[in-house]
Amino acid sequence: MSRYTYPRELRLLTPADFQNVFNNPPVKAVSNEFTFLAKPNQREHPRMGVTVSKKNAKRAVDRNRIKRIIRETYRLKQHKLAGFDIIVIAKPGVMKLDNQALRELLDYLWRKLGKRCNQYLLK
C-alpha cells in the first residue's frame, strides 16, 4: 500500500539542493502561473522545493495558501514521479487563480512533468 505522506526526505531542504536543480535543469513544465524544473537525483523517490516570492504574492497568507496547495497536489502525485529533484516556482499570474483552478492547473502540470521525466529517463 502506498503511503501518501510528505516527510522530510521528500523535500529539498538546503540552498545547495535548490542550486543543483537551478543549474541547467534537463526537464521543465511551464504555464503562465508556474514553472516546474526537474533534475535526476540519486534516490528512488522524488524531492520537491517550492518558491513563492513576495513580488508574486504580497501577503504571507496568499504565499502560504499557494504553497499548501502545491504540497498537497505533490503529496498525492509523488508515487507517479521518478527519482527527480523538483522545484516549483510561482509566477505573477498565480494570484488570479482560486483554489479549485490552482489544483486543476497543478494536477495538469504534475502529469506533464511526470511524462517528461519518464521520457528523459528513456533517452
PDB file of N, CA and C in Angstrom:
ATOM      1  N   MET A   1       0.842  -1.188   0.000  1.00  0.00           N
ATOM      2  CA  MET A   1       0.000   0.000   0.000  1.00  0.00           C
ATOM      3  C   MET A   1       0.881   1.243   0.000  1.00  0.00           C
ATOM      4  N   SER A   2       0.524   2.205  -0.802  1.00  0.00           N
ATOM      5  CA  SER A   2       1.293   3.443  -0.894  1.00  0.00           C
ATOM      6  C   SER A   2       0.971   4.355   0.278  1.00  0.00           C
ATOM      7  N   ARG A   3       2.008   5.019   0.764  1.00  0.00           N
ATOM      8  CA  ARG A   3       1.813   6.000   1.828  1.00  0.00           C
ATOM      9  C   ARG A   3       1.790   7.392   1.201  1.00  0.00           C
ATOM     10  N   TYR A   4       0.753   8.132   1.480  1.00  0.00           N
ATOM     11  CA  TYR A   4       0.608   9.472   0.938  1.00  0.00           C
ATOM     12  C   TYR A   4       0.983  10.502   2.001  1.00  0.00           C
ATOM     13  N   THR A   5       2.248  10.512   2.365  1.00  0.00           N
ATOM     14  CA  THR A   5       2.726  11.467   3.350  1.00  0.00           C
ATOM     15  C   THR A   5       3.739  12.386   2.694  1.00  0.00           C
ATOM     16  N   TYR A   6       4.154  13.398   3.418  1.00  0.00           N
ATOM     17  CA  TYR A   6       5.145  14.343   2.902  1.00  0.00           C
ATOM     18  C   TYR A   6       6.252  14.506   3.947  1.00  0.00           C
ATOM     19  N   PRO A   7       7.031  13.434   4.172  1.00  0.00           N
ATOM     20  CA  PRO A   7       8.077  13.506   5.191  1.00  0.00           C
ATOM     21  C   PRO A   7       9.273  14.331   4.733  1.00  0.00           C
ATOM     22  N   ARG A   8      10.189  14.516   5.614  1.00  0.00           N
ATOM     23  CA  ARG A   8      11.369  15.346   5.386  1.00  0.00           C
ATOM     24  C   ARG A   8      12.218  14.867   4.200  1.00  0.00           C
ATOM     25  N   GLU A   9      12.301  13.554   3.988  1.00  0.00           N
ATOM     26  CA  GLU A   9      13.146  13.051   2.896  1.00  0.00           C
ATOM     27  C   GLU A   9      12.569  13.322   1.510  1.00  0.00           C
ATOM     28  N   LEU A  10      11.329  13.805   1.422  1.00  0.00           N
ATOM     29  CA  LEU A  10      10.728  14.153   0.133  1.00  0.00           C
ATOM     30  C   LEU A  10      10.820  15.651  -0.162  1.00  0.00           C
ATOM     31  N   ARG A  11      11.651  16.370   0.601  1.00  0.00           N
ATOM     32  CA  ARG A  11      11.764  17.825   0.439  1.00  0.00           C
ATOM     33  C   ARG A  11      13.187  18.220   0.068  1.00  0.00           C
ATOM     34  N   LEU A  12      13.301  19.288  -0.711  1.00  0.00           N
ATOM     35  CA  LEU A  12      14.592  19.936  -0.924  1.00  0.00           C
ATOM     36  C   LEU A  12      14.764  20.897   0.240  1.00  0.00           C
ATOM     37  N   LEU A  13      15.838  20.741   0.993  1.00  0.00           N
ATOM     38  CA  LEU A  13      15.965  21.498   2.229  1.00  0.00           C
ATOM     39  C   LEU A  13      17.058  22.564   2.206  1.00  0.00           C
ATOM     40  N   THR A  14      18.159  22.294   1.549  1.00  0.00           N
ATOM     41  CA  THR A  14      19.297  23.204   1.626  1.00  0.00           C
ATOM     42  C   THR A  14      19.408  24.069   0.373  1.00  0.00           C
ATOM     43  N   PRO A  15      20.032  25.232   0.492  1.00  0.00           N
ATOM     44  CA  PRO A  15      20.274  26.052  -0.698  1.00  0.00           C
ATOM     45  C   PRO A  15      21.085  25.301  -1.765  1.00  0.00           C
ATOM     46  N   ALA A  16      21.966  24.416  -1.347  1.00  0.00           N
ATOM     47  CA  ALA A  16      22.745  23.634  -2.317  1.00  0.00           C
ATOM     48  C   ALA A  16      21.842  22.704  -3.124  1.00  0.00           C
ATOM     49  N   ASP A  17      20.825  22.130  -2.490  1.00  0.00           N
ATOM     50  CA  ASP A  17      19.860  21.286  -3.210  1.00  0.00           C
ATOM     51  C   ASP A  17      19.123  22.101  -4.272  1.00  0.00           C
ATOM     52  N   PHE A  18      18.687  23.297  -3.888  1.00  0.00           N
ATOM     53  CA  PHE A  18      17.985  24.162  -4.832  1.00  0.00           C
ATOM     54  C   PHE A  18      18.910  24.579  -5.976  1.00  0.00           C
ATOM     55  N   GLN A  19      20.122  24.977  -5.635  1.00  0.00           N
ATOM     56  CA  GLN A  19      21.062  25.455  -6.650  1.00  0.00           C
ATOM     57  C   GLN A  19      21.401  24.352  -7.641  1.00  0.00           C
ATOM     58  N   ASN A  20      21.479  23.122  -7.176  1.00  0.00           N
ATOM     59  CA  ASN A  20      21.753  21.989  -8.052  1.00  0.00           C
ATOM     60  C   ASN A  20      20.684  21.861  -9.135  1.00  0.00           C
ATOM     61  N   VAL A  21      19.431  22.082  -8.776  1.00  0.00           N
ATOM     62  CA  VAL A  21      18.343  21.993  -9.755  1.00  0.00           C
ATOM     63  C   VAL A  21      18.322  23.226 -10.653  1.00  0.00           C
ATOM     64  N   PHE A  22      18.569  24.403 -10.083  1.00  0.00           N
ATOM     65  CA  PHE A  22      18.559  25.627 -10.882  1.00  0.00           C
ATOM     66  C   PHE A  22      19.647  25.616 -11.947  1.00  0.00           C
ATOM     67  N   ASN A  23      20.764  24.953 -11.676  1.00  0.00           N
ATOM     68  CA  ASN A  23      21.859  24.891 -12.642  1.00  0.00           C
ATOM     69  C   ASN A  23      21.525  23.888 -13.743  1.00  0.00           C
ATOM     70  N   ASN A  24      21.028  24.387 -14.864  1.00  0.00           N
ATOM     71  CA  ASN A  24      20.818  23.587 -16.065  1.00  0.00           C
ATOM     72  C   ASN A  24      19.873  22.396 -15.855  1.00  0.00           C
ATOM     73  N   PRO A  25      18.600  22.625 -15.503  1.00  0.00           N
ATOM     74  CA  PRO A  25      17.665  21.506 -15.338  1.00  0.00           C
ATOM     75  C   PRO A  25      17.283  20.921 -16.696  1.00  0.00           C
ATOM     76  N   PRO A  26      17.344  19.593 -16.864  1.00  0.00           N
ATOM     77  CA  PRO A  26      17.036  18.985 -18.153  1.00  0.00           C
ATOM     78  C   PRO A  26      15.543  18.858 -18.452  1.00  0.00           C
ATOM     79  N   VAL A  27      14.692  18.922 -17.423  1.00  0.00           N
ATOM     80  CA  VAL A  27      13.250  18.730 -17.625  1.00  0.00           C
ATOM     81  C   VAL A  27      12.505  19.933 -17.063  1.00  0.00           C
ATOM     82  N   LYS A  28      11.557  20.450 -17.874  1.00  0.00           N
ATOM     83  CA  LYS A  28      10.763  21.607 -17.450  1.00  0.00           C
ATOM     84  C   LYS A  28       9.305  21.393 -17.840  1.00  0.00           C
ATOM     85  N   ALA A  29       8.418  21.987 -17.062  1.00  0.00           N
ATOM     86  CA  ALA A  29       6.998  22.087 -17.406  1.00  0.00           C
ATOM     87  C   ALA A  29       6.589  23.506 -17.037  1.00  0.00           C
ATOM     88  N   VAL A  30       6.008  24.221 -17.995  1.00  0.00           N
ATOM     89  CA  VAL A  30       5.767  25.653 -17.806  1.00  0.00           C
ATOM     90  C   VAL A  30       4.323  26.012 -18.148  1.00  0.00           C
ATOM     91  N   SER A  31       3.751  26.914 -17.349  1.00  0.00           N
ATOM     92  CA  SER A  31       2.471  27.540 -17.662  1.00  0.00           C
ATOM     93  C   SER A  31       2.627  29.031 -17.380  1.00  0.00           C
ATOM     94  N   ASN A  32       1.552  29.792 -17.526  1.00  0.00           N
ATOM     95  CA  ASN A  32       1.614  31.222 -17.234  1.00  0.00           C
ATOM     96  C   ASN A  32       1.779  31.492 -15.743  1.00  0.00           C
ATOM     97  N   GLU A  33       1.374  30.540 -14.896  1.00  0.00           N
ATOM     98  CA  GLU A  33       1.382  30.742 -13.450  1.00  0.00           C
ATOM     99  C   GLU A  33       2.518  30.034 -12.730  1.00  0.00           C
ATOM    100  N   PHE A  34       3.078  28.965 -13.323  1.00  0.00           N
ATOM    101  CA  PHE A  34       4.114  28.173 -12.667  1.00  0.00           C
ATOM    102  C   PHE A  34       5.192  27.738 -13.638  1.00  0.00           C
ATOM    103  N   THR A  35       6.376  27.514 -13.081  1.00  0.00           N
ATOM    104  CA  THR A  35       7.459  26.842 -13.793  1.00  0.00           C
ATOM    105  C   THR A  35       7.916  25.691 -12.908  1.00  0.00           C
ATOM    106  N   PHE A  36       7.961  24.494 -13.488  1.00  0.00           N
ATOM    107  CA  PHE A  36       8.474  23.319 -12.791  1.00  0.00           C
ATOM    108  C   PHE A  36       9.830  22.984 -13.402  1.00  0.00           C
ATOM    109  N   LEU A  37      10.863  22.862 -12.572  1.00  0.00           N
ATOM    110  CA  LEU A  37      12.193  22.464 -13.009  1.00  0.00           C
ATOM    111  C   LEU A  37      12.509  21.131 -12.352  1.00  0.00           C
ATOM    112  N   ALA A  38      13.106  20.203 -13.107  1.00  0.00           N
ATOM    113  CA  ALA A  38      13.416  18.888 -12.546  1.00  0.00           C
ATOM    114  C   ALA A  38      14.778  18.414 -13.026  1.00  0.00           C
ATOM    115  N   LYS A  39      15.468  17.741 -12.123  1.00  0.00           N
ATOM    116  CA  LYS A  39      16.783  17.185 -12.423  1.00  0.00           C
ATOM    117  C   LYS A  39      16.883  15.828 -11.729  1.00  0.00           C
ATOM    118  N   PRO A  40      17.419  14.811 -12.405  1.00  0.00           N
ATOM    119  CA  PRO A  40      17.509  13.481 -11.765  1.00  0.00           C
ATOM    120  C   PRO A  40      18.339  13.533 -10.489  1.00  0.00           C
ATOM    121  N   ASN A  41      17.917  12.755  -9.500  1.00  0.00           N
ATOM    122  CA  ASN A  41      18.695  12.627  -8.275  1.00  0.00           C
ATOM    123  C   ASN A  41      19.162  11.179  -8.132  1.00  0.00           C
ATOM    124  N   GLN A  42      19.926  10.891  -7.131  1.00  0.00           N
ATOM    125  CA  GLN A  42      20.473   9.551  -6.927  1.00  0.00           C
ATOM    126  C   GLN A  42      19.598   8.725  -5.976  1.00  0.00           C
ATOM    127  N   ARG A  43      18.358   9.118  -5.822  1.00  0.00           N
ATOM    128  CA  ARG A  43      17.447   8.423  -4.916  1.00  0.00           C
ATOM    129  C   ARG A  43      16.365   7.720  -5.717  1.00  0.00           C
ATOM    130  N   GLU A  44      15.596   6.905  -5.035  1.00  0.00           N
ATOM    131  CA  GLU A  44      14.496   6.196  -5.697  1.00  0.00           C
ATOM    132  C   GLU A  44      13.180   6.964  -5.609  1.00  0.00           C
ATOM    133  N   HIS A  45      13.201   8.126  -4.961  1.00  0.00           N
ATOM    134  CA  HIS A  45      11.973   8.899  -4.787  1.00  0.00           C
ATOM    135  C   HIS A  45      12.242  10.351  -5.180  1.00  0.00           C
ATOM    136  N   PRO A  46      11.178  11.071  -5.558  1.00  0.00           N
ATOM    137  CA  PRO A  46      11.353  12.484  -5.896  1.00  0.00           C
ATOM    138  C   PRO A  46      11.444  13.342  -4.636  1.00  0.00           C
ATOM    139  N   ARG A  47      12.046  14.519  -4.791  1.00  0.00           N
ATOM    140  CA  ARG A  47      12.072  15.530  -3.730  1.00  0.00           C
ATOM    141  C   ARG A  47      11.588  16.838  -4.349  1.00  0.00           C
ATOM    142  N   MET A  48      10.924  17.662  -3.549  1.00  0.00           N
ATOM    143  CA  MET A  48      10.360  18.895  -4.085  1.00  0.00           C
ATOM    144  C   MET A  48      10.688  20.084  -3.195  1.00  0.00           C
ATOM    145  N   GLY A  49      10.901  21.229  -3.842  1.00  0.00           N
ATOM    146  CA  GLY A  49      11.047  22.503  -3.174  1.00  0.00           C
ATOM    147  C   GLY A  49      10.126  23.511  -3.840  1.00  0.00           C
ATOM    148  N   VAL A  50       9.672  24.511  -3.086  1.00  0.00           N
ATOM    149  CA  VAL A  50       8.718  25.500  -3.596  1.00  0.00           C
ATOM    150  C   VAL A  50       9.265  26.902  -3.362  1.00  0.00           C
ATOM    151  N   THR A  51       9.106  27.769  -4.358  1.00  0.00           N
ATOM    152  CA  THR A  51       9.425  29.179  -4.179  1.00  0.00           C
ATOM    153  C   THR A  51       8.228  30.028  -4.611  1.00  0.00           C
ATOM    154  N   VAL A  52       7.778  30.864  -3.704  1.00  0.00           N
ATOM    155  CA  VAL A  52       6.721  31.842  -3.989  1.00  0.00           C
ATOM    156  C   VAL A  52       7.239  33.170  -3.448  1.00  0.00           C
ATOM    157  N   SER A  53       7.581  34.072  -4.332  1.00  0.00           N
ATOM    158  CA  SER A  53       8.200  35.315  -3.887  1.00  0.00           C
ATOM    159  C   SER A  53       7.160  36.347  -3.455  1.00  0.00           C
ATOM    160  N   LYS A  54       7.615  37.312  -2.669  1.00  0.00           N
ATOM    161  CA  LYS A  54       6.748  38.416  -2.246  1.00  0.00           C
ATOM    162  C   LYS A  54       6.324  39.263  -3.432  1.00  0.00           C
ATOM    163  N   LYS A  55       7.123  39.267  -4.462  1.00  0.00           N
ATOM    164  CA  LYS A  55       6.788  40.032  -5.663  1.00  0.00           C
ATOM    165  C   LYS A  55       5.534  39.460  -6.334  1.00  0.00           C
ATOM    166  N   ASN A  56       5.359  38.139  -6.268  1.00  0.00           N
ATOM    167  CA  ASN A  56       4.234  37.485  -6.936  1.00  0.00           C
ATOM    168  C   ASN A  56       3.011  37.322  -6.041  1.00  0.00           C
ATOM    169  N   ALA A  57       3.208  37.241  -4.734  1.00  0.00           N
ATOM    170  CA  ALA A  57       2.109  37.136  -3.781  1.00  0.00           C
ATOM    171  C   ALA A  57       2.488  37.987  -2.569  1.00  0.00           C
ATOM    172  N   LYS A  58       1.910  39.150  -2.480  1.00  0.00           N
ATOM    173  CA  LYS A  58       2.321  40.144  -1.482  1.00  0.00           C
ATOM    174  C   LYS A  58       2.122  39.693  -0.039  1.00  0.00           C
ATOM    175  N   ARG A  59       0.958  39.125   0.236  1.00  0.00           N
ATOM    176  CA  ARG A  59       0.630  38.783   1.623  1.00  0.00           C
ATOM    177  C   ARG A  59       1.104  37.369   1.972  1.00  0.00           C
ATOM    178  N   ALA A  60       1.563  37.198   3.195  1.00  0.00           N
ATOM    179  CA  ALA A  60       2.031  35.888   3.654  1.00  0.00           C
ATOM    180  C   ALA A  60       0.915  34.849   3.575  1.00  0.00           C
ATOM    181  N   VAL A  61      -0.307  35.244   3.855  1.00  0.00           N
ATOM    182  CA  VAL A  61      -1.416  34.297   3.811  1.00  0.00           C
ATOM    183  C   VAL A  61      -1.611  33.767   2.390  1.00  0.00           C
ATOM    184  N   ASP A  62      -1.397  34.603   1.386  1.00  0.00           N
ATOM    185  CA  ASP A  62      -1.505  34.162  -0.005  1.00  0.00           C
ATOM    186  C   ASP A  62      -0.360  33.223  -0.386  1.00  0.00           C
ATOM    187  N   ARG A  63       0.856  33.569   0.023  1.00  0.00           N
ATOM    188  CA  ARG A  63       2.005  32.695  -0.257  1.00  0.00           C
ATOM    189  C   ARG A  63       1.822  31.333   0.402  1.00  0.00           C
ATOM    190  N   ASN A  64       1.345  31.337   1.635  1.00  0.00           N
ATOM    191  CA  ASN A  64       1.133  30.079   2.352  1.00  0.00           C
ATOM    192  C   ASN A  64       0.029  29.237   1.720  1.00  0.00           C
ATOM    193  N   ARG A  65      -1.033  29.872   1.245  1.00  0.00           N
ATOM    194  CA  ARG A  65      -2.121  29.149   0.566  1.00  0.00           C
ATOM    195  C   ARG A  65      -1.592  28.467  -0.683  1.00  0.00           C
ATOM    196  N   ILE A  66      -0.817  29.185  -1.467  1.00  0.00           N
ATOM    197  CA  ILE A  66      -0.269  28.629  -2.702  1.00  0.00           C
ATOM    198  C   ILE A  66       0.663  27.454  -2.388  1.00  0.00           C
ATOM    199  N   LYS A  67       1.554  27.636  -1.423  1.00  0.00           N
ATOM    200  CA  LYS A  67       2.490  26.560  -1.058  1.00  0.00           C
ATOM    201  C   LYS A  67       1.747  25.346  -0.509  1.00  0.00           C
ATOM    202  N   ARG A  68       0.710  25.566   0.275  1.00  0.00           N
ATOM    203  CA  ARG A  68      -0.059  24.462   0.851  1.00  0.00           C
ATOM    204  C   ARG A  68      -0.717  23.632  -0.250  1.00  0.00           C
ATOM    205  N   ILE A  69      -1.274  24.291  -1.250  1.00  0.00           N
ATOM    206  CA  ILE A  69      -1.924  23.572  -2.342  1.00  0.00           C
ATOM    207  C   ILE A  69      -0.889  22.850  -3.202  1.00  0.00           C
ATOM    208  N   ILE A  70       0.251  23.469  -3.443  1.00  0.00           N
ATOM    209  CA  ILE A  70       1.322  22.812  -4.193  1.00  0.00           C
ATOM    210  C   ILE A  70       1.769  21.543  -3.466  1.00  0.00           C
ATOM    211  N   ARG A  71       2.006  21.643  -2.169  1.00  0.00           N
ATOM    212  CA  ARG A  71       2.452  20.479  -1.394  1.00  0.00           C
ATOM    213  C   ARG A  71       1.392  19.378  -1.381  1.00  0.00           C
ATOM    214  N   GLU A  72       0.127  19.758  -1.287  1.00  0.00           N
ATOM    215  CA  GLU A  72      -0.950  18.770  -1.270  1.00  0.00           C
ATOM    216  C   GLU A  72      -1.035  18.020  -2.600  1.00  0.00           C
ATOM    217  N   THR A  73      -0.955  18.734  -3.722  1.00  0.00           N
ATOM    218  CA  THR A  73      -1.015  18.055  -5.012  1.00  0.00           C
ATOM    219  C   THR A  73       0.214  17.175  -5.219  1.00  0.00           C
ATOM    220  N   TYR A  74       1.373  17.622  -4.764  1.00  0.00           N
ATOM    221  CA  TYR A  74       2.589  16.809  -4.856  1.00  0.00           C
ATOM    222  C   TYR A  74       2.453  15.541  -4.015  1.00  0.00           C
ATOM    223  N   ARG A  75       1.923  15.678  -2.830  1.00  0.00           N
ATOM    224  CA  ARG A  75       1.764  14.542  -1.927  1.00  0.00           C
ATOM    225  C   ARG A  75       0.936  13.436  -2.586  1.00  0.00           C
ATOM    226  N   LEU A  76      -0.088  13.840  -3.338  1.00  0.00           N
ATOM    227  CA  LEU A  76      -0.954  12.861  -3.992  1.00  0.00           C
ATOM    228  C   LEU A  76      -0.355  12.301  -5.282  1.00  0.00           C
ATOM    229  N   LYS A  77       0.556  13.016  -5.921  1.00  0.00           N
ATOM    230  CA  LYS A  77       1.138  12.592  -7.206  1.00  0.00           C
ATOM    231  C   LYS A  77       2.541  12.020  -7.076  1.00  0.00           C
ATOM    232  N   GLN A  78       3.145  12.040  -5.893  1.00  0.00           N
ATOM    233  CA  GLN A  78       4.543  11.678  -5.734  1.00  0.00           C
ATOM    234  C   GLN A  78       4.863  10.258  -6.195  1.00  0.00           C
ATOM    235  N   HIS A  79       3.902   9.346  -6.111  1.00  0.00           N
ATOM    236  CA  HIS A  79       4.163   7.955  -6.469  1.00  0.00           C
ATOM    237  C   HIS A  79       4.251   7.752  -7.979  1.00  0.00           C
ATOM    238  N   LYS A  80       3.802   8.731  -8.744  1.00  0.00           N
ATOM    239  CA  LYS A  80       3.860   8.634 -10.199  1.00  0.00           C
ATOM    240  C   LYS A  80       5.087   9.322 -10.772  1.00  0.00           C
ATOM    241  N   LEU A  81       5.916   9.884  -9.911  1.00  0.00           N
ATOM    242  CA  LEU A  81       7.106  10.610 -10.357  1.00  0.00           C
ATOM    243  C   LEU A  81       8.351   9.771 -10.108  1.00  0.00           C
ATOM    244  N   ALA A  82       9.303   9.875 -11.023  1.00  0.00           N
ATOM    245  CA  ALA A  82      10.567   9.148 -10.883  1.00  0.00           C
ATOM    246  C   ALA A  82      11.472   9.869  -9.887  1.00  0.00           C
ATOM    247  N   GLY A  83      12.685   9.380  -9.725  1.00  0.00           N
ATOM    248  CA  GLY A  83      13.642   9.974  -8.791  1.00  0.00           C
ATOM    249  C   GLY A  83      14.236  11.268  -9.307  1.00  0.00           C
ATOM    250  N   PHE A  84      13.510  12.363  -9.150  1.00  0.00           N
ATOM    251  CA  PHE A  84      13.942  13.680  -9.596  1.00  0.00           C
ATOM    252  C   PHE A  84      13.863  14.666  -8.446  1.00  0.00           C
ATOM    253  N   ASP A  85      14.732  15.661  -8.477  1.00  0.00           N
ATOM    254  CA  ASP A  85      14.606  16.816  -7.604  1.00  0.00           C
ATOM    255  C   ASP A  85      13.811  17.856  -8.379  1.00  0.00           C
ATOM    256  N   ILE A  86      12.748  18.367  -7.794  1.00  0.00           N
ATOM    257  CA  ILE A  86      11.808  19.245  -8.497  1.00  0.00           C
ATOM    258  C   ILE A  86      11.687  20.554  -7.735  1.00  0.00           C
ATOM    259  N   ILE A  87      11.705  21.658  -8.474  1.00  0.00           N
ATOM    260  CA  ILE A  87      11.431  22.970  -7.894  1.00  0.00           C
ATOM    261  C   ILE A  87      10.201  23.539  -8.589  1.00  0.00           C
ATOM    262  N   VAL A  88       9.259  24.023  -7.794  1.00  0.00           N
ATOM    263  CA  VAL A  88       8.053  24.674  -8.310  1.00  0.00           C
ATOM    264  C   VAL A  88       8.204  26.159  -8.033  1.00  0.00           C
ATOM    265  N   ILE A  89       8.155  26.965  -9.094  1.00  0.00           N
ATOM    266  CA  ILE A  89       8.306  28.415  -8.981  1.00  0.00           C
ATOM    267  C   ILE A  89       6.985  29.074  -9.372  1.00  0.00           C
ATOM    268  N   ALA A  90       6.428  29.862  -8.467  1.00  0.00           N
ATOM    269  CA  ALA A  90       5.195  30.592  -8.756  1.00  0.00           C
ATOM    270  C   ALA A  90       5.536  31.855  -9.544  1.00  0.00           C
ATOM    271  N   LYS A  91       4.703  32.169 -10.531  1.00  0.00           N
ATOM    272  CA  LYS A  91       4.886  33.351 -11.364  1.00  0.00           C
ATOM    273  C   LYS A  91       3.776  34.366 -11.061  1.00  0.00           C
ATOM    274  N   PRO A  92       3.883  35.577 -11.590  1.00  0.00           N
ATOM    275  CA  PRO A  92       2.936  36.641 -11.220  1.00  0.00           C
ATOM    276  C   PRO A  92       1.459  36.317 -11.409  1.00  0.00           C
ATOM    277  N   GLY A  93       1.065  35.516 -12.379  1.00  0.00           N
ATOM    278  CA  GLY A  93      -0.345  35.236 -12.621  1.00  0.00           C
ATOM    279  C   GLY A  93      -1.000  34.327 -11.601  1.00  0.00           C
ATOM    280  N   VAL A  94      -0.237  33.801 -10.670  1.00  0.00           N
ATOM    281  CA  VAL A  94      -0.765  32.808  -9.732  1.00  0.00           C
ATOM    282  C   VAL A  94      -1.854  33.375  -8.821  1.00  0.00           C
ATOM    283  N   MET A  95      -1.819  34.644  -8.520  1.00  0.00           N
ATOM    284  CA  MET A  95      -2.798  35.239  -7.608  1.00  0.00           C
ATOM    285  C   MET A  95      -4.184  35.357  -8.233  1.00  0.00           C
ATOM    286  N   LYS A  96      -4.300  35.229  -9.540  1.00  0.00           N
ATOM    287  CA  LYS A  96      -5.593  35.337 -10.207  1.00  0.00           C
ATOM    288  C   LYS A  96      -6.421  34.059 -10.089  1.00  0.00           C
ATOM    289  N   LEU A  97      -5.793  32.964  -9.638  1.00  0.00           N
ATOM    290  CA  LEU A  97      -6.471  31.669  -9.588  1.00  0.00           C
ATOM    291  C   LEU A  97      -7.089  31.416  -8.213  1.00  0.00           C
ATOM    292  N   ASP A  98      -8.295  30.862  -8.215  1.00  0.00           N
ATOM    293  CA  ASP A  98      -8.867  30.412  -6.949  1.00  0.00           C
ATOM    294  C   ASP A  98      -8.340  29.006  -6.646  1.00  0.00           C
ATOM    295  N   ASN A  99      -8.699  28.470  -5.502  1.00  0.00           N
ATOM    296  CA  ASN A  99      -8.142  27.182  -5.072  1.00  0.00           C
ATOM    297  C   ASN A  99      -8.428  26.048  -6.052  1.00  0.00           C
ATOM    298  N   GLN A 100      -9.646  25.970  -6.566  1.00  0.00           N
ATOM    299  CA  GLN A 100     -10.008  24.889  -7.482  1.00  0.00           C
ATOM    300  C   GLN A 100      -9.221  24.990  -8.790  1.00  0.00           C
ATOM    301  N   ALA A 101      -9.124  26.170  -9.349  1.00  0.00           N
ATOM    302  CA  ALA A 101      -8.364  26.359 -10.584  1.00  0.00           C
ATOM    303  C   ALA A 101      -6.882  26.064 -10.351  1.00  0.00           C
ATOM    304  N   LEU A 102      -6.387  26.434  -9.194  1.00  0.00           N
ATOM    305  CA  LEU A 102      -4.997  26.173  -8.832  1.00  0.00           C
ATOM    306  C   LEU A 102      -4.734  24.668  -8.777  1.00  0.00           C
ATOM    307  N   ARG A 103      -5.626  23.923  -8.150  1.00  0.00           N
ATOM    308  CA  ARG A 103      -5.467  22.464  -8.068  1.00  0.00           C
ATOM    309  C   ARG A 103      -5.505  21.819  -9.447  1.00  0.00           C
ATOM    310  N   GLU A 104      -6.444  22.242 -10.284  1.00  0.00           N
ATOM    311  CA  GLU A 104      -6.557  21.669 -11.631  1.00  0.00           C
ATOM    312  C   GLU A 104      -5.310  21.947 -12.456  1.00  0.00           C
ATOM    313  N   LEU A 105      -4.799  23.170 -12.394  1.00  0.00           N
ATOM    314  CA  LEU A 105      -3.589  23.517 -13.128  1.00  0.00           C
ATOM    315  C   LEU A 105      -2.399  22.708 -12.621  1.00  0.00           C
ATOM    316  N   LEU A 106      -2.260  22.584 -11.306  1.00  0.00           N
ATOM    317  CA  LEU A 106      -1.141  21.831 -10.740  1.00  0.00           C
ATOM    318  C   LEU A 106      -1.237  20.349 -11.093  1.00  0.00           C
ATOM    319  N   ASP A 107      -2.439  19.769 -11.071  1.00  0.00           N
ATOM    320  CA  ASP A 107      -2.594  18.367 -11.478  1.00  0.00           C
ATOM    321  C   ASP A 107      -2.128  18.174 -12.917  1.00  0.00           C
ATOM    322  N   TYR A 108      -2.518  19.097 -13.787  1.00  0.00           N
ATOM    323  CA  TYR A 108      -2.091  19.033 -15.181  1.00  0.00           C
ATOM    324  C   TYR A 108      -0.567  19.116 -15.290  1.00  0.00           C
ATOM    325  N   LEU A 109       0.040  20.065 -14.572  1.00  0.00           N
ATOM    326  CA  LEU A 109       1.491  20.235 -14.650  1.00  0.00           C
ATOM    327  C   LEU A 109       2.242  19.049 -14.057  1.00  0.00           C
ATOM    328  N   TRP A 110       1.716  18.417 -12.993  1.00  0.00           N
ATOM    329  CA  TRP A 110       2.368  17.222 -12.442  1.00  0.00           C
ATOM    330  C   TRP A 110       2.339  16.091 -13.450  1.00  0.00           C
ATOM    331  N   ARG A 111       1.194  15.913 -14.149  1.00  0.00           N
ATOM    332  CA  ARG A 111       1.121  14.869 -15.183  1.00  0.00           C
ATOM    333  C   ARG A 111       2.110  15.154 -16.310  1.00  0.00           C
ATOM    334  N   LYS A 112       2.154  16.403 -16.746  1.00  0.00           N
ATOM    335  CA  LYS A 112       3.065  16.810 -17.816  1.00  0.00           C
ATOM    336  C   LYS A 112       4.524  16.584 -17.407  1.00  0.00           C
ATOM    337  N   LEU A 113       4.876  16.979 -16.189  1.00  0.00           N
ATOM    338  CA  LEU A 113       6.238  16.800 -15.702  1.00  0.00           C
ATOM    339  C   LEU A 113       6.578  15.312 -15.578  1.00  0.00           C
ATOM    340  N   GLY A 114       5.636  14.514 -15.087  1.00  0.00           N
ATOM    341  CA  GLY A 114       5.867  13.075 -14.955  1.00  0.00           C
ATOM    342  C   GLY A 114       6.171  12.427 -16.292  1.00  0.00           C
ATOM    343  N   LYS A 115       5.417  12.799 -17.324  1.00  0.00           N
ATOM    344  CA  LYS A 115       5.654  12.250 -18.668  1.00  0.00           C
ATOM    345  C   LYS A 115       7.026  12.670 -19.193  1.00  0.00           C
ATOM    346  N   ARG A 116       7.369  13.933 -19.000  1.00  0.00           N
ATOM    347  CA  ARG A 116       8.662  14.419 -19.491  1.00  0.00           C
ATOM    348  C   ARG A 116       9.827  13.793 -18.741  1.00  0.00           C
ATOM    349  N   CYS A 117       9.669  13.568 -17.455  1.00  0.00           N
ATOM    350  CA  CYS A 117      10.726  12.910 -16.679  1.00  0.00           C
ATOM    351  C   CYS A 117      10.915  11.466 -17.163  1.00  0.00           C
ATOM    352  N   ASN A 118       9.814  10.762 -17.406  1.00  0.00           N
ATOM    353  CA  ASN A 118       9.923   9.394 -17.900  1.00  0.00           C
ATOM    354  C   ASN A 118      10.572   9.358 -19.276  1.00  0.00           C
ATOM    355  N   GLN A 119      10.226  10.295 -20.155  1.00  0.00           N
ATOM    356  CA  GLN A 119      10.858  10.359 -21.471  1.00  0.00           C
ATOM    357  C   GLN A 119      12.348  10.642 -21.343  1.00  0.00           C
ATOM    358  N   TYR A 120      12.713  11.497 -20.415  1.00  0.00           N
ATOM    359  CA  TYR A 120      14.124  11.822 -20.205  1.00  0.00           C
ATOM    360  C   TYR A 120      14.903  10.606 -19.752  1.00  0.00           C
ATOM    361  N   LEU A 121      14.310   9.801 -18.873  1.00  0.00           N
ATOM    362  CA  LEU A 121      14.983   8.604 -18.373  1.00  0.00           C
ATOM    363  C   LEU A 121      15.140   7.537 -19.457  1.00  0.00           C
ATOM    364  N   LEU A 122      14.239   7.536 -20.449  1.00  0.00           N
ATOM    365  CA  LEU A 122      14.316   6.547 -21.522  1.00  0.00           C
ATOM    366  C   LEU A 122      15.368   6.889 -22.569  1.00  0.00           C
ATOM    367  N   LYS A 123      15.879   8.109 -22.550  1.00  0.00           N
ATOM    368  CA  LYS A 123      16.888   8.514 -23.529  1.00  0.00           C
ATOM    369  C   LYS A 123      18.198   7.809 -23.277  1.00  0.00           C
TER     370      LYS A 123
END
